[in-house]
Structures are given as structure tokens and as C-alpha cells.
Amino acid sequence: MIRKADLNDLDDIVEIENEWQDYPKWGKNGFLKEFEKDFSRTFVFVHDDVIYGFINFWEIDDILEINSIVVSHRRLRSSIGSMLIDFVVNCAPKSGCKRIILEVNEKNIPAISLYKKKGFRVYNTRKKYYDLKYDALLMELVIDE
């Protein structure tokens, strides 16, 4: 089940975030700031009252920007990431968004493969964005009217 995150979920969200070594971390304070923003949304994937993944995105004008999507190591390859992406794709038109954008490290092949499978395409690149070594791929999905 996917539901809107609340303050009670923060410890679980940060714990999942910390499972990933090379992932840029917001930490508890970063997520608290996101909860305060009118345009920021955080949702969690829950099974048997346990949070196994989350997604954060912004809805600004007609663009939905995915900032963070993380699945627990305990549930990799269980389609949670795919379900979270599908959830956001279904949210976008309801809030008037015509494009979904995101940024991903060129070395994150599993994420890139998932995004491409969902219809995202690379529209730009930020050279040596990550650790001054790896490119950031800017990807988008245009929502059909």
C-alpha cells in the first residue's frame, strides 16, 4: 500500500535512506523541511505496517519533479520502486502536471533501466555532477493530455 507520509514515519524513512552508502542523504532535518513546503509530497510504501520504500516529489506549476526514491535493501527487486513511479505518474495529471522530471547518476543502471521502462527519456546531462566524476542524467516523462 502507498500512503502519504507523516512525521511519525521520519525515523523509518531516514533508516531506509541510510541503507544506501552512495545515495545523497537528506536526513531527518531535510525531510522535516520537505514536510513544511506546500509543493513537496512524500509517500511511503507500507506492507504489514512496515515501511519498505518512499518517494519525494515537488509539484510546481505544470512540472512534477521526483527528488528522491528509495527502496529498502530488504525489498529490492520486489517492484516497490516500480509501484512508486506508477503512483507518481498517476498523480501528475490530477494536479495539472504535464511533465515529470528527475535526475539520476549515470552509474545507477538499475534506476535508469526502471525509468526507461516507465517511458522516461534523457533530455540533458550535467557533466561530472556527482563527486566531480559521474554525469547526472536529466530524464523526463511527458504526460499525455
N, C-alpha and C. Protein backbone atom coordinates (compact mmCIF):
# COMPACT_ATOMS: atom_id res chain seq x y z
N MET A 1 0.85 -1.18 0.00
CA MET A 1 0.00 0.00 0.00
C MET A 1 0.90 1.25 0.00
N ILE A 2 0.48 2.23 -0.76
CA ILE A 2 1.19 3.51 -0.78
C ILE A 2 0.30 4.55 -0.10
N ARG A 3 0.88 5.26 0.83
CA ARG A 3 0.12 6.30 1.53
C ARG A 3 1.01 7.51 1.76
N LYS A 4 0.35 8.63 2.06
CA LYS A 4 1.09 9.85 2.35
C LYS A 4 1.88 9.67 3.64
N ALA A 5 3.12 10.12 3.62
CA ALA A 5 3.97 10.03 4.82
C ALA A 5 3.57 11.10 5.82
N ASP A 6 3.81 10.81 7.09
CA ASP A 6 3.61 11.81 8.13
C ASP A 6 4.84 11.83 9.04
N LEU A 7 4.83 12.73 10.00
CA LEU A 7 6.00 12.90 10.87
C LEU A 7 6.38 11.62 11.61
N ASN A 8 5.41 10.76 11.88
CA ASN A 8 5.70 9.50 12.57
C ASN A 8 6.54 8.55 11.72
N ASP A 9 6.61 8.80 10.42
CA ASP A 9 7.35 7.93 9.50
C ASP A 9 8.82 8.33 9.35
N LEU A 10 9.20 9.48 9.88
CA LEU A 10 10.53 10.03 9.61
C LEU A 10 11.67 9.10 9.99
N ASP A 11 11.61 8.47 11.14
CA ASP A 11 12.71 7.59 11.55
C ASP A 11 12.87 6.43 10.57
N ASP A 12 11.76 5.86 10.13
CA ASP A 12 11.82 4.75 9.16
C ASP A 12 12.35 5.22 7.82
N ILE A 13 11.93 6.39 7.38
CA ILE A 13 12.41 6.95 6.11
C ILE A 13 13.92 7.16 6.16
N VAL A 14 14.40 7.76 7.23
CA VAL A 14 15.83 8.03 7.37
C VAL A 14 16.61 6.71 7.48
N GLU A 15 16.05 5.73 8.15
CA GLU A 15 16.72 4.43 8.26
C GLU A 15 16.90 3.80 6.88
N ILE A 16 15.86 3.86 6.05
CA ILE A 16 15.96 3.32 4.69
C ILE A 16 16.98 4.12 3.88
N GLU A 17 16.92 5.43 3.99
CA GLU A 17 17.87 6.28 3.29
C GLU A 17 19.31 5.92 3.66
N ASN A 18 19.55 5.62 4.93
CA ASN A 18 20.90 5.32 5.42
C ASN A 18 21.40 3.94 4.99
N GLU A 19 20.52 3.09 4.48
CA GLU A 19 20.96 1.78 3.98
C GLU A 19 21.84 1.92 2.74
N TRP A 20 21.74 3.06 2.07
CA TRP A 20 22.44 3.26 0.80
C TRP A 20 23.66 4.15 1.02
N GLN A 21 24.85 3.61 0.81
CA GLN A 21 26.09 4.35 1.05
C GLN A 21 26.28 5.51 0.09
N ASP A 22 26.09 5.28 -1.19
CA ASP A 22 26.41 6.29 -2.20
C ASP A 22 25.22 7.19 -2.54
N TYR A 23 24.19 7.16 -1.73
CA TYR A 23 23.00 7.93 -2.01
C TYR A 23 23.08 9.26 -1.26
N PRO A 24 22.82 10.40 -1.94
CA PRO A 24 22.83 11.68 -1.22
C PRO A 24 21.72 11.71 -0.17
N LYS A 25 22.08 11.98 1.05
CA LYS A 25 21.12 11.87 2.16
C LYS A 25 20.61 13.23 2.61
N TRP A 26 19.31 13.28 2.90
CA TRP A 26 18.69 14.47 3.45
C TRP A 26 18.71 14.44 4.97
N GLY A 27 18.57 13.27 5.54
CA GLY A 27 18.49 13.14 6.99
C GLY A 27 17.16 13.65 7.51
N LYS A 28 16.98 13.50 8.80
CA LYS A 28 15.71 13.87 9.42
C LYS A 28 15.38 15.34 9.22
N ASN A 29 16.37 16.22 9.40
CA ASN A 29 16.12 17.66 9.24
C ASN A 29 15.71 18.01 7.81
N GLY A 30 16.34 17.36 6.84
CA GLY A 30 15.98 17.60 5.45
C GLY A 30 14.54 17.22 5.16
N PHE A 31 14.12 16.07 5.69
CA PHE A 31 12.74 15.65 5.47
C PHE A 31 11.76 16.53 6.24
N LEU A 32 12.15 16.98 7.42
CA LEU A 32 11.28 17.92 8.15
C LEU A 32 11.03 19.18 7.32
N LYS A 33 12.07 19.67 6.67
CA LYS A 33 11.91 20.85 5.81
C LYS A 33 10.98 20.54 4.64
N GLU A 34 11.08 19.33 4.09
CA GLU A 34 10.20 18.96 2.98
C GLU A 34 8.74 18.93 3.43
N PHE A 35 8.48 18.46 4.64
CA PHE A 35 7.12 18.41 5.15
C PHE A 35 6.52 19.80 5.30
N GLU A 36 7.37 20.81 5.44
CA GLU A 36 6.89 22.19 5.62
C GLU A 36 6.56 22.88 4.30
N LYS A 37 7.06 22.37 3.20
CA LYS A 37 6.86 23.01 1.89
C LYS A 37 5.50 22.63 1.32
N ASP A 38 4.75 23.63 0.87
CA ASP A 38 3.43 23.38 0.29
C ASP A 38 3.47 22.52 -0.96
N PHE A 39 4.55 22.62 -1.71
CA PHE A 39 4.63 21.94 -3.01
C PHE A 39 5.33 20.58 -2.93
N SER A 40 5.80 20.20 -1.74
CA SER A 40 6.53 18.95 -1.57
C SER A 40 5.61 17.85 -1.06
N ARG A 41 5.77 16.65 -1.63
CA ARG A 41 4.97 15.50 -1.24
C ARG A 41 5.90 14.33 -0.96
N THR A 42 5.62 13.60 0.11
CA THR A 42 6.36 12.38 0.42
C THR A 42 5.35 11.27 0.67
N PHE A 43 5.56 10.15 0.00
CA PHE A 43 4.70 8.98 0.15
C PHE A 43 5.56 7.78 0.51
N VAL A 44 4.98 6.85 1.25
CA VAL A 44 5.70 5.65 1.66
C VAL A 44 4.98 4.41 1.14
N PHE A 45 5.77 3.37 0.89
CA PHE A 45 5.23 2.05 0.57
C PHE A 45 5.26 1.24 1.86
N VAL A 46 4.09 0.73 2.26
CA VAL A 46 3.95 0.02 3.53
C VAL A 46 3.39 -1.37 3.27
N HIS A 47 3.97 -2.37 3.93
CA HIS A 47 3.44 -3.73 3.90
C HIS A 47 3.51 -4.29 5.31
N ASP A 48 2.39 -4.81 5.80
CA ASP A 48 2.31 -5.33 7.17
C ASP A 48 2.85 -4.32 8.19
N ASP A 49 2.44 -3.08 8.03
CA ASP A 49 2.82 -1.98 8.93
C ASP A 49 4.31 -1.66 8.95
N VAL A 50 5.05 -2.12 7.95
CA VAL A 50 6.48 -1.83 7.84
C VAL A 50 6.71 -1.01 6.58
N ILE A 51 7.45 0.09 6.70
CA ILE A 51 7.78 0.94 5.55
C ILE A 51 8.99 0.33 4.84
N TYR A 52 8.83 0.09 3.53
CA TYR A 52 9.91 -0.50 2.74
C TYR A 52 10.43 0.42 1.65
N GLY A 53 9.83 1.57 1.49
CA GLY A 53 10.30 2.50 0.47
C GLY A 53 9.57 3.82 0.58
N PHE A 54 10.13 4.83 -0.11
CA PHE A 54 9.48 6.14 -0.11
C PHE A 54 9.84 6.88 -1.38
N ILE A 55 9.03 7.89 -1.66
CA ILE A 55 9.29 8.78 -2.78
C ILE A 55 8.94 10.20 -2.35
N ASN A 56 9.78 11.14 -2.75
CA ASN A 56 9.50 12.55 -2.50
C ASN A 56 9.50 13.26 -3.85
N PHE A 57 8.53 14.13 -4.03
CA PHE A 57 8.48 14.91 -5.27
C PHE A 57 7.88 16.27 -5.00
N TRP A 58 8.17 17.17 -5.92
CA TRP A 58 7.63 18.52 -5.89
C TRP A 58 6.65 18.69 -7.04
N GLU A 59 5.56 19.40 -6.76
CA GLU A 59 4.61 19.81 -7.79
C GLU A 59 4.67 21.33 -7.89
N ILE A 60 5.31 21.81 -8.95
CA ILE A 60 5.45 23.25 -9.16
C ILE A 60 4.97 23.57 -10.56
N ASP A 61 3.96 24.43 -10.64
CA ASP A 61 3.33 24.77 -11.91
C ASP A 61 2.88 23.48 -12.60
N ASP A 62 3.35 23.26 -13.82
CA ASP A 62 2.91 22.06 -14.54
C ASP A 62 3.99 20.97 -14.59
N ILE A 63 4.93 21.06 -13.64
CA ILE A 63 6.03 20.08 -13.59
C ILE A 63 6.03 19.36 -12.25
N LEU A 64 6.15 18.06 -12.31
CA LEU A 64 6.34 17.24 -11.12
C LEU A 64 7.79 16.77 -11.15
N GLU A 65 8.55 17.10 -10.11
CA GLU A 65 9.96 16.73 -10.06
C GLU A 65 10.19 15.70 -8.95
N ILE A 66 10.65 14.52 -9.35
CA ILE A 66 10.99 13.48 -8.38
C ILE A 66 12.36 13.82 -7.81
N ASN A 67 12.41 14.01 -6.50
CA ASN A 67 13.66 14.35 -5.82
C ASN A 67 14.35 13.14 -5.22
N SER A 68 13.56 12.19 -4.77
CA SER A 68 14.14 11.06 -4.05
C SER A 68 13.19 9.87 -4.14
N ILE A 69 13.75 8.73 -4.48
CA ILE A 69 13.00 7.47 -4.45
C ILE A 69 13.96 6.41 -3.94
N VAL A 70 13.59 5.76 -2.85
CA VAL A 70 14.48 4.80 -2.20
C VAL A 70 13.67 3.59 -1.74
N VAL A 71 14.23 2.41 -1.98
CA VAL A 71 13.64 1.16 -1.54
C VAL A 71 14.63 0.48 -0.59
N SER A 72 14.10 -0.09 0.48
CA SER A 72 14.94 -0.78 1.45
C SER A 72 15.67 -1.96 0.80
N HIS A 73 16.88 -2.19 1.26
CA HIS A 73 17.65 -3.36 0.80
C HIS A 73 16.87 -4.65 1.05
N ARG A 74 16.03 -4.65 2.07
CA ARG A 74 15.26 -5.86 2.41
C ARG A 74 14.23 -6.21 1.36
N ARG A 75 13.90 -5.26 0.49
CA ARG A 75 12.85 -5.50 -0.51
C ARG A 75 13.26 -5.12 -1.92
N LEU A 76 14.54 -5.16 -2.22
CA LEU A 76 14.98 -4.89 -3.59
C LEU A 76 14.40 -5.94 -4.52
N ARG A 77 14.19 -5.57 -5.77
CA ARG A 77 13.66 -6.46 -6.80
C ARG A 77 12.26 -6.98 -6.47
N SER A 78 11.50 -6.18 -5.72
CA SER A 78 10.14 -6.59 -5.36
C SER A 78 9.09 -5.67 -5.99
N SER A 79 9.50 -4.87 -6.95
CA SER A 79 8.61 -3.97 -7.70
C SER A 79 8.15 -2.75 -6.92
N ILE A 80 8.70 -2.51 -5.74
CA ILE A 80 8.29 -1.34 -4.96
C ILE A 80 8.65 -0.06 -5.69
N GLY A 81 9.86 0.02 -6.22
CA GLY A 81 10.26 1.21 -6.98
C GLY A 81 9.33 1.45 -8.16
N SER A 82 8.99 0.38 -8.85
CA SER A 82 8.08 0.48 -9.99
C SER A 82 6.70 0.99 -9.56
N MET A 83 6.21 0.47 -8.44
CA MET A 83 4.90 0.91 -7.94
C MET A 83 4.93 2.37 -7.51
N LEU A 84 6.02 2.81 -6.90
CA LEU A 84 6.13 4.21 -6.50
C LEU A 84 6.15 5.13 -7.73
N ILE A 85 6.87 4.72 -8.77
CA ILE A 85 6.89 5.51 -10.02
C ILE A 85 5.49 5.55 -10.63
N ASP A 86 4.82 4.40 -10.70
CA ASP A 86 3.46 4.36 -11.25
C ASP A 86 2.53 5.27 -10.46
N PHE A 87 2.68 5.28 -9.15
CA PHE A 87 1.86 6.14 -8.30
C PHE A 87 2.03 7.61 -8.69
N VAL A 88 3.28 8.02 -8.86
CA VAL A 88 3.57 9.42 -9.21
C VAL A 88 3.04 9.74 -10.61
N VAL A 89 3.22 8.82 -11.54
CA VAL A 89 2.73 9.03 -12.91
C VAL A 89 1.21 9.21 -12.89
N ASN A 90 0.52 8.50 -12.02
CA ASN A 90 -0.93 8.65 -11.90
C ASN A 90 -1.32 9.94 -11.18
N CYS A 91 -0.47 10.42 -10.28
CA CYS A 91 -0.74 11.68 -9.55
C CYS A 91 -0.60 12.90 -10.45
N ALA A 92 0.36 12.84 -11.36
CA ALA A 92 0.74 14.03 -12.15
C ALA A 92 -0.44 14.70 -12.85
N PRO A 93 -1.22 13.98 -13.66
CA PRO A 93 -2.30 14.68 -14.37
C PRO A 93 -3.38 15.24 -13.43
N LYS A 94 -3.59 14.58 -12.31
CA LYS A 94 -4.60 15.04 -11.35
C LYS A 94 -4.25 16.40 -10.77
N SER A 95 -2.96 16.72 -10.72
CA SER A 95 -2.54 18.02 -10.19
C SER A 95 -2.13 18.98 -11.30
N GLY A 96 -2.46 18.63 -12.54
CA GLY A 96 -2.19 19.53 -13.66
C GLY A 96 -0.77 19.48 -14.19
N CYS A 97 -0.01 18.48 -13.78
CA CYS A 97 1.38 18.38 -14.25
C CYS A 97 1.43 17.75 -15.64
N LYS A 98 2.25 18.34 -16.50
CA LYS A 98 2.38 17.87 -17.88
C LYS A 98 3.71 17.16 -18.12
N ARG A 99 4.64 17.32 -17.18
CA ARG A 99 5.95 16.67 -17.29
C ARG A 99 6.37 16.17 -15.92
N ILE A 100 7.04 15.03 -15.93
CA ILE A 100 7.70 14.53 -14.72
C ILE A 100 9.18 14.53 -15.04
N ILE A 101 9.97 15.14 -14.15
CA ILE A 101 11.41 15.19 -14.37
C ILE A 101 12.14 14.59 -13.17
N LEU A 102 13.36 14.16 -13.40
CA LEU A 102 14.21 13.64 -12.34
C LEU A 102 15.65 13.70 -12.78
N GLU A 103 16.53 13.48 -11.84
CA GLU A 103 17.97 13.45 -12.09
C GLU A 103 18.50 12.16 -11.50
N VAL A 104 19.39 11.48 -12.25
CA VAL A 104 19.93 10.21 -11.78
C VAL A 104 21.41 10.11 -12.15
N ASN A 105 22.19 9.51 -11.27
CA ASN A 105 23.61 9.28 -11.53
C ASN A 105 23.75 8.28 -12.67
N GLU A 106 24.60 8.59 -13.63
CA GLU A 106 24.79 7.71 -14.78
C GLU A 106 25.22 6.30 -14.38
N LYS A 107 25.76 6.13 -13.19
CA LYS A 107 26.20 4.82 -12.71
C LYS A 107 25.06 4.01 -12.09
N ASN A 108 23.92 4.63 -11.88
CA ASN A 108 22.78 3.94 -11.27
C ASN A 108 21.97 3.23 -12.36
N ILE A 109 22.55 2.19 -12.91
CA ILE A 109 21.96 1.48 -14.04
C ILE A 109 20.58 0.88 -13.71
N PRO A 110 20.38 0.27 -12.52
CA PRO A 110 19.04 -0.26 -12.23
C PRO A 110 17.96 0.83 -12.26
N ALA A 111 18.26 2.01 -11.70
CA ALA A 111 17.28 3.10 -11.70
C ALA A 111 17.03 3.59 -13.11
N ILE A 112 18.08 3.77 -13.89
CA ILE A 112 17.93 4.25 -15.27
C ILE A 112 17.09 3.27 -16.07
N SER A 113 17.34 1.98 -15.89
CA SER A 113 16.55 0.95 -16.60
C SER A 113 15.08 1.04 -16.22
N LEU A 114 14.80 1.22 -14.93
CA LEU A 114 13.41 1.34 -14.48
C LEU A 114 12.76 2.57 -15.10
N TYR A 115 13.44 3.70 -15.06
CA TYR A 115 12.86 4.92 -15.60
C TYR A 115 12.59 4.78 -17.10
N LYS A 116 13.52 4.19 -17.83
CA LYS A 116 13.30 3.99 -19.27
C LYS A 116 12.13 3.05 -19.52
N LYS A 117 12.03 2.00 -18.71
CA LYS A 117 10.90 1.07 -18.83
C LYS A 117 9.57 1.79 -18.62
N LYS A 118 9.58 2.79 -17.77
CA LYS A 118 8.36 3.56 -17.48
C LYS A 118 8.12 4.68 -18.48
N GLY A 119 9.00 4.82 -19.48
CA GLY A 119 8.78 5.80 -20.53
C GLY A 119 9.59 7.08 -20.42
N PHE A 120 10.44 7.19 -19.41
CA PHE A 120 11.29 8.38 -19.27
C PHE A 120 12.38 8.35 -20.33
N ARG A 121 12.81 9.54 -20.73
CA ARG A 121 13.92 9.65 -21.68
C ARG A 121 14.89 10.71 -21.17
N VAL A 122 16.15 10.55 -21.55
CA VAL A 122 17.18 11.53 -21.17
C VAL A 122 17.01 12.76 -22.04
N TYR A 123 16.91 13.94 -21.42
CA TYR A 123 16.79 15.17 -22.19
C TYR A 123 17.98 16.11 -22.00
N ASN A 124 18.84 15.80 -21.03
CA ASN A 124 20.03 16.62 -20.83
C ASN A 124 20.99 15.89 -19.89
N THR A 125 22.22 16.39 -19.82
CA THR A 125 23.24 15.80 -18.96
C THR A 125 23.99 16.90 -18.22
N ARG A 126 24.26 16.66 -16.95
CA ARG A 126 25.14 17.55 -16.18
C ARG A 126 26.47 16.82 -16.03
N LYS A 127 27.47 17.31 -16.71
CA LYS A 127 28.77 16.64 -16.74
C LYS A 127 29.45 16.68 -15.37
N LYS A 128 29.99 15.55 -14.99
CA LYS A 128 30.77 15.40 -13.74
C LYS A 128 30.06 16.02 -12.53
N TYR A 129 28.79 15.78 -12.44
CA TYR A 129 27.95 16.36 -11.39
C TYR A 129 28.15 15.66 -10.05
N TYR A 130 28.29 14.34 -10.08
CA TYR A 130 28.45 13.56 -8.86
C TYR A 130 29.93 13.35 -8.56
N ASP A 131 30.37 13.85 -7.44
CA ASP A 131 31.77 13.69 -7.00
C ASP A 131 32.77 14.15 -8.04
N LEU A 132 32.36 15.07 -8.90
CA LEU A 132 33.21 15.58 -9.98
C LEU A 132 33.73 14.46 -10.89
N LYS A 133 33.00 13.33 -10.90
CA LYS A 133 33.39 12.18 -11.73
C LYS A 133 32.28 11.72 -12.66
N TYR A 134 31.07 11.64 -12.12
CA TYR A 134 29.99 10.99 -12.85
C TYR A 134 28.94 12.00 -13.29
N ASP A 135 28.41 11.76 -14.47
CA ASP A 135 27.39 12.64 -15.02
C ASP A 135 26.05 12.40 -14.34
N ALA A 136 25.25 13.45 -14.28
CA ALA A 136 23.85 13.35 -13.87
C ALA A 136 23.03 13.35 -15.15
N LEU A 137 22.18 12.35 -15.29
CA LEU A 137 21.27 12.31 -16.42
C LEU A 137 19.97 12.96 -16.00
N LEU A 138 19.51 13.93 -16.77
CA LEU A 138 18.22 14.56 -16.53
C LEU A 138 17.22 13.84 -17.41
N MET A 139 16.20 13.29 -16.78
CA MET A 139 15.22 12.49 -17.51
C MET A 139 13.84 13.10 -17.35
N GLU A 140 12.99 12.83 -18.34
CA GLU A 140 11.63 13.37 -18.29
C GLU A 140 10.64 12.37 -18.87
N LEU A 141 9.42 12.51 -18.42
CA LEU A 141 8.29 11.79 -18.98
C LEU A 141 7.23 12.84 -19.27
N VAL A 142 6.85 12.97 -20.52
CA VAL A 142 5.80 13.92 -20.90
C VAL A 142 4.46 13.21 -20.73
N ILE A 143 3.56 13.86 -20.00
CA ILE A 143 2.25 13.27 -19.71
C ILE A 143 1.31 13.58 -20.87
N ASP A 144 0.68 12.53 -21.38
CA ASP A 144 -0.29 12.72 -22.47
C ASP A 144 -1.51 13.44 -21.95
N GLU A 145 -2.00 14.33 -22.77
CA GLU A 145 -3.21 15.09 -22.40
C GLU A 145 -4.43 14.21 -22.51
